[in-house]
Amino acid sequence: MERKSNKQPKLHVKKGDTVKVIAGNANGKTGVVLEVIASKRRVIVEGINVVTKHIKPSAASPEGGITKTEAAIHISNVMLVDAKTGDATRTGRKLQDGKLVRFSKKTGDVV
């Protein structure tokens, strides 16, 4: 019986990257990645896919109420924004000084 690998998938965006939404209701908007959920292949982007949540009153929040939070969107619907040009770009990986680094396919610069 073969072992299952516990490796996380390599994704084209990381936390803190500026991304552009290329599909869905927020098509064309840009924002910063707040969180990457690698197991579900989803990202939470600042100001994108804002949903209304109803909070039930509890001991921690006796008021309860309605809050707006960002919901996750699929990672295939976002594209990294190149810092040099400000345009969305695909990313690749290459070895540089023994380390695997991401680079912009549009300009060739390391991200």
Protein backbone atom coordinates (compact mmCIF):
# COMPACT_ATOMS: atom_id res chain seq x y z
CA MET A 1 0.00 0.00 0.00
CA GLU A 2 1.38 3.39 -1.00
CA ARG A 3 1.68 6.30 1.37
CA LYS A 4 -0.29 9.46 0.83
CA SER A 5 1.78 12.62 0.57
CA ASN A 6 1.09 15.37 3.07
CA LYS A 7 2.43 18.14 0.84
CA GLN A 8 0.36 21.29 0.43
CA PRO A 9 -0.27 22.25 -3.21
CA LYS A 10 1.90 25.02 -4.65
CA LEU A 11 -0.34 27.96 -5.49
CA HIS A 12 0.31 31.02 -7.65
CA VAL A 13 -0.66 33.57 -4.95
CA LYS A 14 0.39 34.07 -1.35
CA LYS A 15 -0.84 36.12 1.59
CA GLY A 16 -0.04 39.81 1.03
CA ASP A 17 -0.02 39.62 -2.79
CA THR A 18 -2.03 42.16 -4.78
CA VAL A 19 -4.42 40.33 -7.09
CA LYS A 20 -6.98 41.17 -9.75
CA VAL A 21 -10.28 39.30 -9.97
CA ILE A 22 -10.72 37.89 -13.48
CA ALA A 23 -14.12 36.19 -13.12
CA GLY A 24 -17.37 36.57 -11.20
CA ASN A 25 -19.28 39.54 -9.80
CA ALA A 26 -16.12 41.40 -8.78
CA ASN A 27 -14.51 41.05 -12.22
CA GLY A 28 -11.81 43.71 -12.75
CA LYS A 29 -11.43 44.73 -9.08
CA THR A 30 -8.10 44.49 -7.29
CA GLY A 31 -7.27 43.81 -3.66
CA VAL A 32 -4.75 42.32 -1.25
CA VAL A 33 -4.89 38.63 -0.31
CA LEU A 34 -5.74 38.38 3.39
CA GLU A 35 -5.75 34.58 3.67
CA VAL A 36 -5.05 31.55 1.49
CA ILE A 37 -7.01 28.36 2.22
CA ALA A 38 -4.81 25.86 0.37
CA SER A 39 -6.84 22.76 1.19
CA LYS A 40 -9.96 24.24 -0.43
CA ARG A 41 -8.00 26.19 -3.10
CA ARG A 42 -9.67 29.45 -2.08
CA VAL A 43 -8.48 32.93 -1.13
CA ILE A 44 -9.95 35.78 0.87
CA VAL A 45 -9.30 39.14 -0.80
CA GLU A 46 -9.69 42.49 0.96
CA GLY A 47 -12.89 44.27 -0.14
CA ILE A 48 -13.93 41.53 -2.58
CA ASN A 49 -16.99 39.23 -2.20
CA VAL A 50 -18.29 41.06 0.88
CA VAL A 51 -21.18 39.17 2.50
CA THR A 52 -23.59 40.10 5.29
CA LYS A 53 -23.47 37.87 8.38
CA HIS A 54 -26.10 37.83 11.12
CA ILE A 55 -24.52 37.47 14.56
CA LYS A 56 -26.63 35.84 17.25
CA PRO A 57 -26.42 37.57 20.67
CA SER A 58 -24.09 35.74 23.07
CA ALA A 59 -22.07 36.41 26.21
CA ALA A 60 -19.17 37.65 24.09
CA SER A 61 -21.36 39.95 21.97
CA PRO A 62 -24.60 40.71 23.85
CA GLU A 63 -25.80 43.05 21.11
CA GLY A 64 -25.54 40.58 18.24
CA GLY A 65 -26.30 42.35 14.96
CA ILE A 66 -25.30 42.33 11.33
CA THR A 67 -21.68 42.51 10.14
CA LYS A 68 -20.06 42.59 6.70
CA THR A 69 -17.09 40.27 6.07
CA GLU A 70 -15.14 39.04 3.08
CA ALA A 71 -15.97 35.54 1.87
CA ALA A 72 -13.56 33.22 0.06
CA ILE A 73 -13.36 33.02 -3.73
CA HIS A 74 -11.75 30.31 -5.82
CA ILE A 75 -8.05 30.79 -6.52
CA SER A 76 -8.56 30.30 -10.27
CA ASN A 77 -10.62 33.50 -10.35
CA VAL A 78 -7.71 35.72 -9.26
CA MET A 79 -4.51 36.71 -11.04
CA LEU A 80 -1.36 38.24 -9.57
CA VAL A 81 -0.77 41.93 -10.32
CA ASP A 82 2.77 42.75 -11.48
CA ALA A 83 4.29 45.48 -9.28
CA LYS A 84 6.26 47.00 -12.17
CA THR A 85 3.49 47.35 -14.77
CA GLY A 86 0.35 47.19 -12.62
CA ASP A 87 -1.21 44.62 -14.98
CA ALA A 88 -2.37 41.11 -14.18
CA THR A 89 0.21 38.48 -15.06
CA ARG A 90 0.64 34.72 -14.99
CA THR A 91 3.35 33.35 -12.74
CA GLY A 92 5.99 30.69 -13.20
CA ARG A 93 8.59 29.05 -10.97
CA LYS A 94 12.31 28.76 -11.51
CA LEU A 95 15.38 27.83 -9.50
CA GLN A 96 17.47 30.80 -8.41
CA ASP A 97 20.43 30.26 -6.07
CA GLY A 98 19.06 26.85 -5.10
CA LYS A 99 15.63 28.23 -4.16
CA LEU A 100 12.38 27.95 -6.08
CA VAL A 101 11.09 31.50 -6.74
CA ARG A 102 7.99 32.85 -8.47
CA PHE A 103 8.44 35.11 -11.48
CA SER A 104 6.16 37.20 -13.65
CA LYS A 105 5.61 35.71 -17.10
CA LYS A 106 4.94 39.19 -18.51
CA THR A 107 8.16 40.91 -17.37
CA GLY A 108 10.32 38.03 -16.20
CA ASP A 109 10.99 39.70 -12.84
CA VAL A 110 11.02 37.73 -9.58
CA VAL A 111 7.87 38.36 -7.55
